[in-house]
Amino acid sequence: MNYPQVLKELEDLVNETYGLWDHNRVGFQWRHYTWNHTMRVRAMSMELGKREGGDVTKLEVAGTLHDITKRYDGEILSDENGKRVVNHDGLWLNEQLMPSRENLVTRLYDENNLGGTVHHESGAVITEKILAMYDFDQDFVDAVRAIVLAHLKPMNLTEERYDFLYGNVENQILYDADTMDPNVGYTAFFRNVHIHSYSAIRRNGKFDIEEYAQSLPRWVNSKQAFVEHLLTESAKEVGQARQDRNKALTDQIAAEVGDMETNRKYGLLGVIEYFVSDTEDPHFMNQLTYLKEHWIPERQKWLAEKETTSATRDRASEALDRVIDFTNTLEREYRGEI
């Protein structure tokens, strides 16, 4: 089997599947988010696999496929009393959103009567069916299916069921990576900017950056519990480092508010406003690339040509240094390195 070719085909299938729906925003997800999240979770899973002695190939395939049915998830269902509807594992159920077009994945979804299931369950079935079409041995297919199934953790697990679901380190790792990406670190900050700004603009017609800066400490503190409930020691270490970075980042942003003119032009406040320039369907990799290749170089040029006083240049240079550090760290998180 030509594994690189197979992996490319799986990536193409996942990306194609995400594009079958015409709707964009659902809850805290948007069209481009799902693909970007998938690639980040895969990268982090593989890095944790190296640290924990897991099977990196299984994690690479499982990471690619773990959210393959995620786009079926609509708004969270509530009963007549406004209480969220849960399944047998205590996980929230979603309205089912049907695609506008079809492909192999949607046909398998229908053939296996997967409507109404949570996406980790439907994704595990689809994963097994797809991998069976390739020359993977059955043990590999079974293992990857189990890893995908474990990326959402049921509530109130018995010890026996926990051992069944998370006895393999790879199952723990995908759960950890999938939990970390949207909740701790700069990747989570990126998501939070877009969730907050989209809601604020829809509600008030504008995004107030000072108000947003004031909200960040509360948001970061609310995420500590996610770190404490990670399953592997490597993930807990990475997660706490990400959480600590976010706390430092919120302090930097709060301090920047004291010099709005400089920092909206050269600093982290300017980065936030750049992120918010596309609130409908922001693309993580496109925005990261723009920061590196256009936003930062443009301001380096401004520093050299436009800032006339040494005091102004010093403040602007310090602000831009914060942005460069932020951008480099964000890219490393995307790659799963930290």
C-alpha atoms as a PDB file:
ATOM      1  CA  MET A   1       0.000   0.000   0.000  1.00  0.00           C
ATOM      2  CA  ASN A   2       1.204   3.489  -0.851  1.00  0.00           C
ATOM      3  CA  TYR A   3       0.454   5.070   2.530  1.00  0.00           C
ATOM      4  CA  PRO A   4       1.196   8.715   1.577  1.00  0.00           C
ATOM      5  CA  GLN A   5      -1.218   8.398  -1.341  1.00  0.00           C
ATOM      6  CA  VAL A   6      -3.882   6.805   0.862  1.00  0.00           C
ATOM      7  CA  LEU A   7      -3.491   9.564   3.462  1.00  0.00           C
ATOM      8  CA  LYS A   8      -3.866  12.205   0.734  1.00  0.00           C
ATOM      9  CA  GLU A   9      -7.038  10.506  -0.488  1.00  0.00           C
ATOM     10  CA  LEU A  10      -8.433  10.460   3.047  1.00  0.00           C
ATOM     11  CA  GLU A  11      -7.619  14.159   3.500  1.00  0.00           C
ATOM     12  CA  ASP A  12      -9.290  14.998   0.192  1.00  0.00           C
ATOM     13  CA  LEU A  13     -12.368  12.988   1.162  1.00  0.00           C
ATOM     14  CA  VAL A  14     -12.684  14.767   4.505  1.00  0.00           C
ATOM     15  CA  ASN A  15     -12.236  18.209   2.942  1.00  0.00           C
ATOM     16  CA  GLU A  16     -14.715  17.368   0.191  1.00  0.00           C
ATOM     17  CA  THR A  17     -17.215  16.172   2.790  1.00  0.00           C
ATOM     18  CA  TYR A  18     -17.002  19.395   4.795  1.00  0.00           C
ATOM     19  CA  GLY A  19     -17.859  21.311   1.626  1.00  0.00           C
ATOM     20  CA  LEU A  20     -21.143  19.464   0.989  1.00  0.00           C
ATOM     21  CA  TRP A  21     -23.112  21.753   3.317  1.00  0.00           C
ATOM     22  CA  ASP A  22     -24.107  25.245   2.248  1.00  0.00           C
ATOM     23  CA  HIS A  23     -24.695  26.552   5.775  1.00  0.00           C
ATOM     24  CA  ASN A  24     -21.804  28.254   7.507  1.00  0.00           C
ATOM     25  CA  ARG A  25     -22.168  29.032  11.232  1.00  0.00           C
ATOM     26  CA  VAL A  26     -23.611  26.558  13.724  1.00  0.00           C
ATOM     27  CA  GLY A  27     -22.985  27.322  17.377  1.00  0.00           C
ATOM     28  CA  PHE A  28     -19.261  27.775  17.900  1.00  0.00           C
ATOM     29  CA  GLN A  29     -18.337  26.159  14.580  1.00  0.00           C
ATOM     30  CA  TRP A  30     -18.028  27.582  11.086  1.00  0.00           C
ATOM     31  CA  ARG A  31     -17.204  26.048   7.724  1.00  0.00           C
ATOM     32  CA  HIS A  32     -13.439  26.636   7.639  1.00  0.00           C
ATOM     33  CA  TYR A  33     -13.050  25.997  11.358  1.00  0.00           C
ATOM     34  CA  THR A  34     -13.827  22.293  11.037  1.00  0.00           C
ATOM     35  CA  TRP A  35     -11.018  21.586   8.574  1.00  0.00           C
ATOM     36  CA  ASN A  36      -8.460  23.758  10.371  1.00  0.00           C
ATOM     37  CA  HIS A  37      -9.385  22.114  13.682  1.00  0.00           C
ATOM     38  CA  THR A  38      -8.983  18.657  12.125  1.00  0.00           C
ATOM     39  CA  MET A  39      -5.463  19.394  10.925  1.00  0.00           C
ATOM     40  CA  ARG A  40      -4.414  20.889  14.269  1.00  0.00           C
ATOM     41  CA  VAL A  41      -5.828  17.975  16.248  1.00  0.00           C
ATOM     42  CA  ARG A  42      -4.051  15.512  13.982  1.00  0.00           C
ATOM     43  CA  ALA A  43      -0.733  17.295  14.410  1.00  0.00           C
ATOM     44  CA  MET A  44      -1.090  17.477  18.187  1.00  0.00           C
ATOM     45  CA  SER A  45      -2.142  13.814  18.358  1.00  0.00           C
ATOM     46  CA  MET A  46       0.965  12.756  16.490  1.00  0.00           C
ATOM     47  CA  GLU A  47       3.215  14.842  18.750  1.00  0.00           C
ATOM     48  CA  LEU A  48       1.600  13.422  21.889  1.00  0.00           C
ATOM     49  CA  GLY A  49       1.919   9.971  20.353  1.00  0.00           C
ATOM     50  CA  LYS A  50       5.679  10.431  20.066  1.00  0.00           C
ATOM     51  CA  ARG A  51       5.901  11.596  23.673  1.00  0.00           C
ATOM     52  CA  GLU A  52       3.665   8.860  25.073  1.00  0.00           C
ATOM     53  CA  GLY A  53       4.915   5.974  22.933  1.00  0.00           C
ATOM     54  CA  GLY A  54       1.690   5.673  20.934  1.00  0.00           C
ATOM     55  CA  ASP A  55       1.227   4.450  17.373  1.00  0.00           C
ATOM     56  CA  VAL A  56       1.667   7.629  15.348  1.00  0.00           C
ATOM     57  CA  THR A  57       0.285   6.154  12.127  1.00  0.00           C
ATOM     58  CA  LYS A  58      -2.961   5.144  13.816  1.00  0.00           C
ATOM     59  CA  LEU A  59      -3.190   8.621  15.303  1.00  0.00           C
ATOM     60  CA  GLU A  60      -2.521  10.258  11.946  1.00  0.00           C
ATOM     61  CA  VAL A  61      -5.366   8.348  10.301  1.00  0.00           C
ATOM     62  CA  ALA A  62      -7.733   8.739  13.251  1.00  0.00           C
ATOM     63  CA  GLY A  63      -6.948  12.449  13.529  1.00  0.00           C
ATOM     64  CA  THR A  64      -7.750  12.910   9.851  1.00  0.00           C
ATOM     65  CA  LEU A  65     -11.111  11.136  10.118  1.00  0.00           C
ATOM     66  CA  HIS A  66     -12.267  11.912  13.654  1.00  0.00           C
ATOM     67  CA  ASP A  67     -14.724  14.709  12.737  1.00  0.00           C
ATOM     68  CA  ILE A  68     -15.770  13.377   9.341  1.00  0.00           C
ATOM     69  CA  THR A  69     -19.482  13.533  10.272  1.00  0.00           C
ATOM     70  CA  LYS A  70     -19.246  16.713  12.360  1.00  0.00           C
ATOM     71  CA  ARG A  71     -21.000  18.834   9.743  1.00  0.00           C
ATOM     72  CA  TYR A  72     -24.240  16.932  10.381  1.00  0.00           C
ATOM     73  CA  ASP A  73     -24.345  18.581  13.828  1.00  0.00           C
ATOM     74  CA  GLY A  74     -26.800  21.465  13.964  1.00  0.00           C
ATOM     75  CA  GLU A  75     -27.916  23.439  16.997  1.00  0.00           C
ATOM     76  CA  ILE A  76     -28.021  21.621  20.324  1.00  0.00           C
ATOM     77  CA  LEU A  77     -31.465  20.160  20.983  1.00  0.00           C
ATOM     78  CA  SER A  78     -33.529  21.260  23.984  1.00  0.00           C
ATOM     79  CA  ASP A  79     -36.710  19.780  25.449  1.00  0.00           C
ATOM     80  CA  GLU A  80     -39.936  21.651  26.228  1.00  0.00           C
ATOM     81  CA  ASN A  81     -38.425  22.843  29.519  1.00  0.00           C
ATOM     82  CA  GLY A  82     -35.330  24.281  27.839  1.00  0.00           C
ATOM     83  CA  LYS A  83     -33.117  21.457  29.121  1.00  0.00           C
ATOM     84  CA  ARG A  84     -30.529  20.108  26.709  1.00  0.00           C
ATOM     85  CA  VAL A  85     -31.328  16.681  25.295  1.00  0.00           C
ATOM     86  CA  VAL A  86     -28.654  14.035  25.917  1.00  0.00           C
ATOM     87  CA  ASN A  87     -28.013  10.528  24.633  1.00  0.00           C
ATOM     88  CA  HIS A  88     -27.316   7.333  26.582  1.00  0.00           C
ATOM     89  CA  ASP A  89     -23.825   8.588  27.440  1.00  0.00           C
ATOM     90  CA  GLY A  90     -24.984  11.967  28.700  1.00  0.00           C
ATOM     91  CA  LEU A  91     -23.657  13.773  25.603  1.00  0.00           C
ATOM     92  CA  TRP A  92     -25.657  16.598  24.052  1.00  0.00           C
ATOM     93  CA  LEU A  93     -27.683  15.753  20.966  1.00  0.00           C
ATOM     94  CA  ASN A  94     -27.858  18.082  17.972  1.00  0.00           C
ATOM     95  CA  GLU A  95     -30.380  18.934  15.317  1.00  0.00           C
ATOM     96  CA  GLN A  96     -29.395  17.006  12.206  1.00  0.00           C
ATOM     97  CA  LEU A  97     -28.284  19.214   9.317  1.00  0.00           C
ATOM     98  CA  MET A  98     -28.491  17.553   5.946  1.00  0.00           C
ATOM     99  CA  PRO A  99     -25.937  18.246   3.196  1.00  0.00           C
ATOM    100  CA  SER A 100     -26.850  19.950  -0.058  1.00  0.00           C
ATOM    101  CA  ARG A 101     -24.785  17.476  -2.061  1.00  0.00           C
ATOM    102  CA  GLU A 102     -23.642  13.887  -1.590  1.00  0.00           C
ATOM    103  CA  ASN A 103     -20.483  11.811  -1.723  1.00  0.00           C
ATOM    104  CA  LEU A 104     -19.185   8.495  -0.381  1.00  0.00           C
ATOM    105  CA  VAL A 105     -19.437   9.653   3.232  1.00  0.00           C
ATOM    106  CA  THR A 106     -23.037  10.835   3.016  1.00  0.00           C
ATOM    107  CA  ARG A 107     -24.058   7.621   1.243  1.00  0.00           C
ATOM    108  CA  LEU A 108     -22.431   5.524   3.961  1.00  0.00           C
ATOM    109  CA  TYR A 109     -24.106   7.696   6.592  1.00  0.00           C
ATOM    110  CA  ASP A 110     -27.526   6.982   5.091  1.00  0.00           C
ATOM    111  CA  GLU A 111     -26.870   3.294   4.381  1.00  0.00           C
ATOM    112  CA  ASN A 112     -25.880   2.715   8.018  1.00  0.00           C
ATOM    113  CA  ASN A 113     -28.809   4.690   9.491  1.00  0.00           C
ATOM    114  CA  LEU A 114     -26.536   7.025  11.430  1.00  0.00           C
ATOM    115  CA  GLY A 115     -28.956   9.931  11.724  1.00  0.00           C
ATOM    116  CA  GLY A 116     -29.483  11.043  15.311  1.00  0.00           C
ATOM    117  CA  THR A 117     -26.162   9.719  16.587  1.00  0.00           C
ATOM    118  CA  VAL A 118     -23.414  11.902  18.049  1.00  0.00           C
ATOM    119  CA  HIS A 119     -20.595  12.536  15.594  1.00  0.00           C
ATOM    120  CA  HIS A 120     -17.998  10.413  17.420  1.00  0.00           C
ATOM    121  CA  GLU A 121     -20.259   7.372  17.031  1.00  0.00           C
ATOM    122  CA  SER A 122     -21.220   8.010  13.414  1.00  0.00           C
ATOM    123  CA  GLY A 123     -17.629   8.973  12.648  1.00  0.00           C
ATOM    124  CA  ALA A 124     -16.345   5.688  14.057  1.00  0.00           C
ATOM    125  CA  VAL A 125     -18.691   3.714  11.788  1.00  0.00           C
ATOM    126  CA  ILE A 126     -17.766   5.772   8.720  1.00  0.00           C
ATOM    127  CA  THR A 127     -14.072   5.405   9.580  1.00  0.00           C
ATOM    128  CA  GLU A 128     -14.357   1.625   9.665  1.00  0.00           C
ATOM    129  CA  LYS A 129     -16.239   1.503   6.371  1.00  0.00           C
ATOM    130  CA  ILE A 130     -13.770   3.763   4.583  1.00  0.00           C
ATOM    131  CA  LEU A 131     -10.624   2.080   5.869  1.00  0.00           C
ATOM    132  CA  ALA A 132     -12.018  -1.312   4.854  1.00  0.00           C
ATOM    133  CA  MET A 133     -11.761  -0.101   1.248  1.00  0.00           C
ATOM    134  CA  TYR A 134      -7.980   0.100   1.581  1.00  0.00           C
ATOM    135  CA  ASP A 135      -5.317  -2.485   2.302  1.00  0.00           C
ATOM    136  CA  PHE A 136      -5.197  -1.936   6.068  1.00  0.00           C
ATOM    137  CA  ASP A 137      -5.240  -5.038   8.219  1.00  0.00           C
ATOM    138  CA  GLN A 138      -8.305  -5.587  10.394  1.00  0.00           C
ATOM    139  CA  ASP A 139      -6.486  -4.907  13.652  1.00  0.00           C
ATOM    140  CA  PHE A 140      -5.459  -1.479  12.357  1.00  0.00           C
ATOM    141  CA  VAL A 141      -9.009  -0.690  11.220  1.00  0.00           C
ATOM    142  CA  ASP A 142     -10.472  -1.779  14.557  1.00  0.00           C
ATOM    143  CA  ALA A 143      -7.915   0.290  16.478  1.00  0.00           C
ATOM    144  CA  VAL A 144      -8.541   3.453  14.456  1.00  0.00           C
ATOM    145  CA  ARG A 145     -12.303   3.048  14.806  1.00  0.00           C
ATOM    146  CA  ALA A 146     -11.847   2.803  18.585  1.00  0.00           C
ATOM    147  CA  ILE A 147      -9.637   5.917  18.658  1.00  0.00           C
ATOM    148  CA  VAL A 148     -12.244   7.936  16.747  1.00  0.00           C
ATOM    149  CA  LEU A 149     -15.016   6.689  19.035  1.00  0.00           C
ATOM    150  CA  ALA A 150     -13.034   7.774  22.115  1.00  0.00           C
ATOM    151  CA  HIS A 151     -12.489  11.392  21.056  1.00  0.00           C
ATOM    152  CA  LEU A 152     -15.631  12.375  22.987  1.00  0.00           C
ATOM    153  CA  LYS A 153     -15.743  11.075  26.548  1.00  0.00           C
ATOM    154  CA  PRO A 154     -19.086   9.864  27.941  1.00  0.00           C
ATOM    155  CA  MET A 155     -20.260  11.280  31.233  1.00  0.00           C
ATOM    156  CA  ASN A 156     -20.114   9.238  34.456  1.00  0.00           C
ATOM    157  CA  LEU A 157     -17.989   6.401  33.119  1.00  0.00           C
ATOM    158  CA  THR A 158     -17.737   3.264  35.199  1.00  0.00           C
ATOM    159  CA  GLU A 159     -14.210   1.996  35.791  1.00  0.00           C
ATOM    160  CA  GLU A 160     -14.885  -0.963  33.523  1.00  0.00           C
ATOM    161  CA  ARG A 161     -16.188   1.203  30.685  1.00  0.00           C
ATOM    162  CA  TYR A 162     -13.323   3.671  31.101  1.00  0.00           C
ATOM    163  CA  ASP A 163     -10.813   0.834  30.753  1.00  0.00           C
ATOM    164  CA  PHE A 164     -12.640  -0.411  27.657  1.00  0.00           C
ATOM    165  CA  LEU A 165     -12.679   3.011  25.971  1.00  0.00           C
ATOM    166  CA  TYR A 166      -9.360   4.418  27.179  1.00  0.00           C
ATOM    167  CA  GLY A 167      -7.197   1.401  27.886  1.00  0.00           C
ATOM    168  CA  ASN A 168      -5.108   2.234  24.809  1.00  0.00           C
ATOM    169  CA  VAL A 169      -2.943   5.318  24.959  1.00  0.00           C
ATOM    170  CA  GLU A 170      -3.914   6.349  21.425  1.00  0.00           C
ATOM    171  CA  ASN A 171      -7.563   6.641  22.520  1.00  0.00           C
ATOM    172  CA  GLN A 172      -6.512   8.906  25.375  1.00  0.00           C
ATOM    173  CA  ILE A 173      -4.323  10.994  23.091  1.00  0.00           C
ATOM    174  CA  LEU A 174      -6.981  11.860  20.502  1.00  0.00           C
ATOM    175  CA  TYR A 175      -9.368  12.827  23.287  1.00  0.00           C
ATOM    176  CA  ASP A 176      -6.673  15.065  24.790  1.00  0.00           C
ATOM    177  CA  ALA A 177      -5.757  16.738  21.495  1.00  0.00           C
ATOM    178  CA  ASP A 178      -9.385  17.304  20.541  1.00  0.00           C
ATOM    179  CA  THR A 179     -10.102  18.799  23.975  1.00  0.00           C
ATOM    180  CA  MET A 180      -7.071  21.094  24.001  1.00  0.00           C
ATOM    181  CA  ASP A 181      -7.347  22.661  20.566  1.00  0.00           C
ATOM    182  CA  PRO A 182     -10.566  24.672  21.108  1.00  0.00           C
ATOM    183  CA  ASN A 183     -10.038  25.337  24.806  1.00  0.00           C
ATOM    184  CA  VAL A 184      -6.424  26.113  25.719  1.00  0.00           C
ATOM    185  CA  GLY A 185      -3.614  27.934  23.946  1.00  0.00           C
ATOM    186  CA  TYR A 186      -3.411  30.491  21.197  1.00  0.00           C
ATOM    187  CA  THR A 187      -5.534  28.297  18.908  1.00  0.00           C
ATOM    188  CA  ALA A 188      -8.310  28.604  21.495  1.00  0.00           C
ATOM    189  CA  PHE A 189      -7.733  32.365  21.693  1.00  0.00           C
ATOM    190  CA  PHE A 190      -8.149  32.599  17.909  1.00  0.00           C
ATOM    191  CA  ARG A 191     -11.444  30.717  18.186  1.00  0.00           C
ATOM    192  CA  ASN A 192     -12.602  32.872  21.087  1.00  0.00           C
ATOM    193  CA  VAL A 193     -11.918  36.091  19.159  1.00  0.00           C
ATOM    194  CA  HIS A 194     -14.112  34.872  16.334  1.00  0.00           C
ATOM    195  CA  ILE A 195     -16.889  33.560  18.552  1.00  0.00           C
ATOM    196  CA  HIS A 196     -17.020  36.780  20.599  1.00  0.00           C
ATOM    197  CA  SER A 197     -16.724  39.176  17.669  1.00  0.00           C
ATOM    198  CA  TYR A 198     -19.332  37.386  15.568  1.00  0.00           C
ATOM    199  CA  SER A 199     -21.812  37.405  18.447  1.00  0.00           C
ATOM    200  CA  ALA A 200     -21.074  41.033  19.349  1.00  0.00           C
ATOM    201  CA  ILE A 201     -21.531  42.259  15.786  1.00  0.00           C
ATOM    202  CA  ARG A 202     -24.799  40.359  15.382  1.00  0.00           C
ATOM    203  CA  ARG A 203     -26.062  41.603  18.743  1.00  0.00           C
ATOM    204  CA  ASN A 204     -24.795  45.203  18.782  1.00  0.00           C
ATOM    205  CA  GLY A 205     -23.658  45.891  15.241  1.00  0.00           C
ATOM    206  CA  LYS A 206     -20.072  46.420  16.403  1.00  0.00           C
ATOM    207  CA  PHE A 207     -17.108  44.830  18.169  1.00  0.00           C
ATOM    208  CA  ASP A 208     -15.754  46.711  21.197  1.00  0.00           C
ATOM    209  CA  ILE A 209     -12.100  45.771  21.571  1.00  0.00           C
ATOM    210  CA  GLU A 210     -11.729  47.275  25.053  1.00  0.00           C
ATOM    211  CA  GLU A 211     -14.733  45.338  26.301  1.00  0.00           C
ATOM    212  CA  TYR A 212     -13.289  42.196  24.738  1.00  0.00           C
ATOM    213  CA  ALA A 213      -9.909  42.729  26.431  1.00  0.00           C
ATOM    214  CA  GLN A 214     -11.665  43.009  29.792  1.00  0.00           C
ATOM    215  CA  SER A 215     -13.474  39.708  29.225  1.00  0.00           C
ATOM    216  CA  LEU A 216     -10.358  37.642  28.528  1.00  0.00           C
ATOM    217  CA  PRO A 217      -9.158  36.857  32.100  1.00  0.00           C
ATOM    218  CA  ARG A 218     -12.541  35.348  32.951  1.00  0.00           C
ATOM    219  CA  TRP A 219     -12.449  33.262  29.774  1.00  0.00           C
ATOM    220  CA  VAL A 220      -8.926  31.953  30.439  1.00  0.00           C
ATOM    221  CA  ASN A 221      -9.707  31.057  34.038  1.00  0.00           C
ATOM    222  CA  SER A 222     -12.780  29.111  32.920  1.00  0.00           C
ATOM    223  CA  LYS A 223     -10.548  26.802  30.870  1.00  0.00           C
ATOM    224  CA  GLN A 224      -8.339  25.512  33.690  1.00  0.00           C
ATOM    225  CA  ALA A 225     -10.698  22.596  34.349  1.00  0.00           C
ATOM    226  CA  PHE A 226     -10.109  21.301  30.820  1.00  0.00           C
ATOM    227  CA  VAL A 227      -6.389  20.986  31.547  1.00  0.00           C
ATOM    228  CA  GLU A 228      -7.003  19.178  34.813  1.00  0.00           C
ATOM    229  CA  HIS A 229      -9.216  16.576  33.127  1.00  0.00           C
ATOM    230  CA  LEU A 230      -6.801  15.638  30.343  1.00  0.00           C
ATOM    231  CA  LEU A 231      -5.842  11.973  30.373  1.00  0.00           C
ATOM    232  CA  THR A 232      -2.124  11.716  29.513  1.00  0.00           C
ATOM    233  CA  GLU A 233       0.732  13.302  31.406  1.00  0.00           C
ATOM    234  CA  SER A 234       2.170  14.783  28.207  1.00  0.00           C
ATOM    235  CA  ALA A 235      -1.136  16.463  27.410  1.00  0.00           C
ATOM    236  CA  LYS A 236      -1.426  17.860  30.924  1.00  0.00           C
ATOM    237  CA  GLU A 237       2.063  19.334  30.575  1.00  0.00           C
ATOM    238  CA  VAL A 238       1.336  20.834  27.153  1.00  0.00           C
ATOM    239  CA  GLY A 239      -2.105  22.001  28.219  1.00  0.00           C
ATOM    240  CA  GLN A 240      -0.820  23.786  31.307  1.00  0.00           C
ATOM    241  CA  ALA A 241       1.901  25.498  29.274  1.00  0.00           C
ATOM    242  CA  ARG A 242      -0.747  26.665  26.806  1.00  0.00           C
ATOM    243  CA  GLN A 243      -2.973  27.861  29.622  1.00  0.00           C
ATOM    244  CA  ASP A 244      -0.093  29.794  31.189  1.00  0.00           C
ATOM    245  CA  ARG A 245       0.682  31.406  27.819  1.00  0.00           C
ATOM    246  CA  ASN A 246      -2.917  32.515  27.484  1.00  0.00           C
ATOM    247  CA  LYS A 247      -2.829  34.096  30.929  1.00  0.00           C
ATOM    248  CA  ALA A 248       0.316  36.011  29.959  1.00  0.00           C
ATOM    249  CA  LEU A 249      -1.300  36.983  26.653  1.00  0.00           C
ATOM    250  CA  THR A 250      -4.344  38.451  28.401  1.00  0.00           C
ATOM    251  CA  ASP A 251      -2.027  40.510  30.613  1.00  0.00           C
ATOM    252  CA  GLN A 252      -0.243  41.833  27.522  1.00  0.00           C
ATOM    253  CA  ILE A 253      -3.524  42.715  25.835  1.00  0.00           C
ATOM    254  CA  ALA A 254      -4.816  44.460  28.952  1.00  0.00           C
ATOM    255  CA  ALA A 255      -1.611  46.514  29.141  1.00  0.00           C
ATOM    256  CA  GLU A 256      -1.884  47.445  25.457  1.00  0.00           C
ATOM    257  CA  VAL A 257      -5.241  49.124  26.066  1.00  0.00           C
ATOM    258  CA  GLY A 258      -3.296  51.887  27.810  1.00  0.00           C
ATOM    259  CA  ASP A 259      -1.806  52.963  24.462  1.00  0.00           C
ATOM    260  CA  MET A 260      -4.544  52.269  21.959  1.00  0.00           C
ATOM    261  CA  GLU A 261      -3.061  54.315  19.115  1.00  0.00           C
ATOM    262  CA  THR A 262       0.248  52.452  19.023  1.00  0.00           C
ATOM    263  CA  ASN A 263      -1.091  48.994  19.772  1.00  0.00           C
ATOM    264  CA  ARG A 264      -3.992  49.044  17.339  1.00  0.00           C
ATOM    265  CA  LYS A 265      -1.404  49.845  14.684  1.00  0.00           C
ATOM    266  CA  TYR A 266       1.506  47.613  15.735  1.00  0.00           C
ATOM    267  CA  GLY A 267       0.409  45.389  18.607  1.00  0.00           C
ATOM    268  CA  LEU A 268      -1.821  42.533  19.652  1.00  0.00           C
ATOM    269  CA  LEU A 269      -4.852  44.822  19.564  1.00  0.00           C
ATOM    270  CA  GLY A 270      -4.145  45.305  15.876  1.00  0.00           C
ATOM    271  CA  VAL A 271      -3.964  41.541  15.392  1.00  0.00           C
ATOM    272  CA  ILE A 272      -7.350  41.116  17.061  1.00  0.00           C
ATOM    273  CA  GLU A 273      -8.841  43.771  14.792  1.00  0.00           C
ATOM    274  CA  TYR A 274      -7.296  42.040  11.785  1.00  0.00           C
ATOM    275  CA  PHE A 275      -8.830  38.719  12.846  1.00  0.00           C
ATOM    276  CA  VAL A 276     -12.204  40.438  13.215  1.00  0.00           C
ATOM    277  CA  SER A 277     -11.984  41.808   9.666  1.00  0.00           C
ATOM    278  CA  ASP A 278     -13.463  38.451   8.589  1.00  0.00           C
ATOM    279  CA  THR A 279     -16.124  37.251  10.997  1.00  0.00           C
ATOM    280  CA  GLU A 280     -18.328  35.221   8.644  1.00  0.00           C
ATOM    281  CA  ASP A 281     -16.040  32.313   7.744  1.00  0.00           C
ATOM    282  CA  PRO A 282     -12.497  32.994   9.001  1.00  0.00           C
ATOM    283  CA  HIS A 283      -9.785  30.614   7.829  1.00  0.00           C
ATOM    284  CA  PHE A 284      -7.110  29.967  10.453  1.00  0.00           C
ATOM    285  CA  MET A 285      -4.287  29.126   8.060  1.00  0.00           C
ATOM    286  CA  ASN A 286      -5.082  32.009   5.723  1.00  0.00           C
ATOM    287  CA  GLN A 287      -5.096  34.508   8.577  1.00  0.00           C
ATOM    288  CA  LEU A 288      -1.909  33.067  10.075  1.00  0.00           C
ATOM    289  CA  THR A 289      -0.186  33.230   6.679  1.00  0.00           C
ATOM    290  CA  TYR A 290      -1.331  36.826   6.170  1.00  0.00           C
ATOM    291  CA  LEU A 291       0.107  37.822   9.554  1.00  0.00           C
ATOM    292  CA  LYS A 292       3.480  36.315   8.671  1.00  0.00           C
ATOM    293  CA  GLU A 293       3.742  37.397   5.045  1.00  0.00           C
ATOM    294  CA  HIS A 294       1.925  40.747   4.950  1.00  0.00           C
ATOM    295  CA  TRP A 295       0.794  42.207   8.282  1.00  0.00           C
ATOM    296  CA  ILE A 296       4.153  41.982  10.072  1.00  0.00           C
ATOM    297  CA  PRO A 297       6.376  42.948   7.091  1.00  0.00           C
ATOM    298  CA  GLU A 298       4.158  45.947   6.355  1.00  0.00           C
ATOM    299  CA  ARG A 299       4.568  47.235   9.907  1.00  0.00           C
ATOM    300  CA  GLN A 300       8.280  46.574   9.894  1.00  0.00           C
ATOM    301  CA  LYS A 301       8.409  48.848   6.872  1.00  0.00           C
ATOM    302  CA  TRP A 302       6.326  51.485   8.668  1.00  0.00           C
ATOM    303  CA  LEU A 303       8.727  51.345  11.591  1.00  0.00           C
ATOM    304  CA  ALA A 304      11.686  51.996   9.341  1.00  0.00           C
ATOM    305  CA  GLU A 305      10.059  54.747   7.278  1.00  0.00           C
ATOM    306  CA  LYS A 306       7.234  56.466   9.163  1.00  0.00           C
ATOM    307  CA  GLU A 307       7.886  56.590  12.890  1.00  0.00           C
ATOM    308  CA  THR A 308       9.933  59.711  13.491  1.00  0.00           C
ATOM    309  CA  THR A 309      10.548  59.937  17.231  1.00  0.00           C
ATOM    310  CA  SER A 310      12.611  57.439  19.184  1.00  0.00           C
ATOM    311  CA  ALA A 311       9.924  57.065  21.867  1.00  0.00           C
ATOM    312  CA  THR A 312       7.276  56.212  19.278  1.00  0.00           C
ATOM    313  CA  ARG A 313       9.613  53.791  17.501  1.00  0.00           C
ATOM    314  CA  ASP A 314      10.465  52.071  20.779  1.00  0.00           C
ATOM    315  CA  ARG A 315       6.816  51.550  21.728  1.00  0.00           C
ATOM    316  CA  ALA A 316       5.928  50.393  18.240  1.00  0.00           C
ATOM    317  CA  SER A 317       8.911  48.047  18.099  1.00  0.00           C
ATOM    318  CA  GLU A 318       8.000  46.468  21.431  1.00  0.00           C
ATOM    319  CA  ALA A 319       4.418  46.031  20.276  1.00  0.00           C
ATOM    320  CA  LEU A 320       5.497  44.419  17.021  1.00  0.00           C
ATOM    321  CA  ASP A 321       7.854  42.091  18.893  1.00  0.00           C
ATOM    322  CA  ARG A 322       4.843  40.861  20.877  1.00  0.00           C
ATOM    323  CA  VAL A 323       2.994  40.168  17.642  1.00  0.00           C
ATOM    324  CA  ILE A 324       5.955  38.300  16.133  1.00  0.00           C
ATOM    325  CA  ASP A 325       6.237  36.125  19.244  1.00  0.00           C
ATOM    326  CA  PHE A 326       2.483  35.505  19.211  1.00  0.00           C
ATOM    327  CA  THR A 327       2.506  34.567  15.517  1.00  0.00           C
ATOM    328  CA  ASN A 328       5.478  32.209  15.835  1.00  0.00           C
ATOM    329  CA  THR A 329       3.887  30.504  18.832  1.00  0.00           C
ATOM    330  CA  LEU A 330       0.519  30.207  17.105  1.00  0.00           C
ATOM    331  CA  GLU A 331       2.214  28.512  14.162  1.00  0.00           C
ATOM    332  CA  ARG A 332       4.007  26.084  16.468  1.00  0.00           C
ATOM    333  CA  GLU A 333       0.711  25.199  18.108  1.00  0.00           C
ATOM    334  CA  TYR A 334      -0.791  24.605  14.674  1.00  0.00           C
ATOM    335  CA  ARG A 335       2.028  22.176  13.953  1.00  0.00           C
ATOM    336  CA  GLY A 336       1.424  20.399  17.256  1.00  0.00           C
ATOM    337  CA  GLU A 337       4.891  21.222  18.562  1.00  0.00           C
ATOM    338  CA  ILE A 338       3.757  22.941  21.799  1.00  0.00           C
END
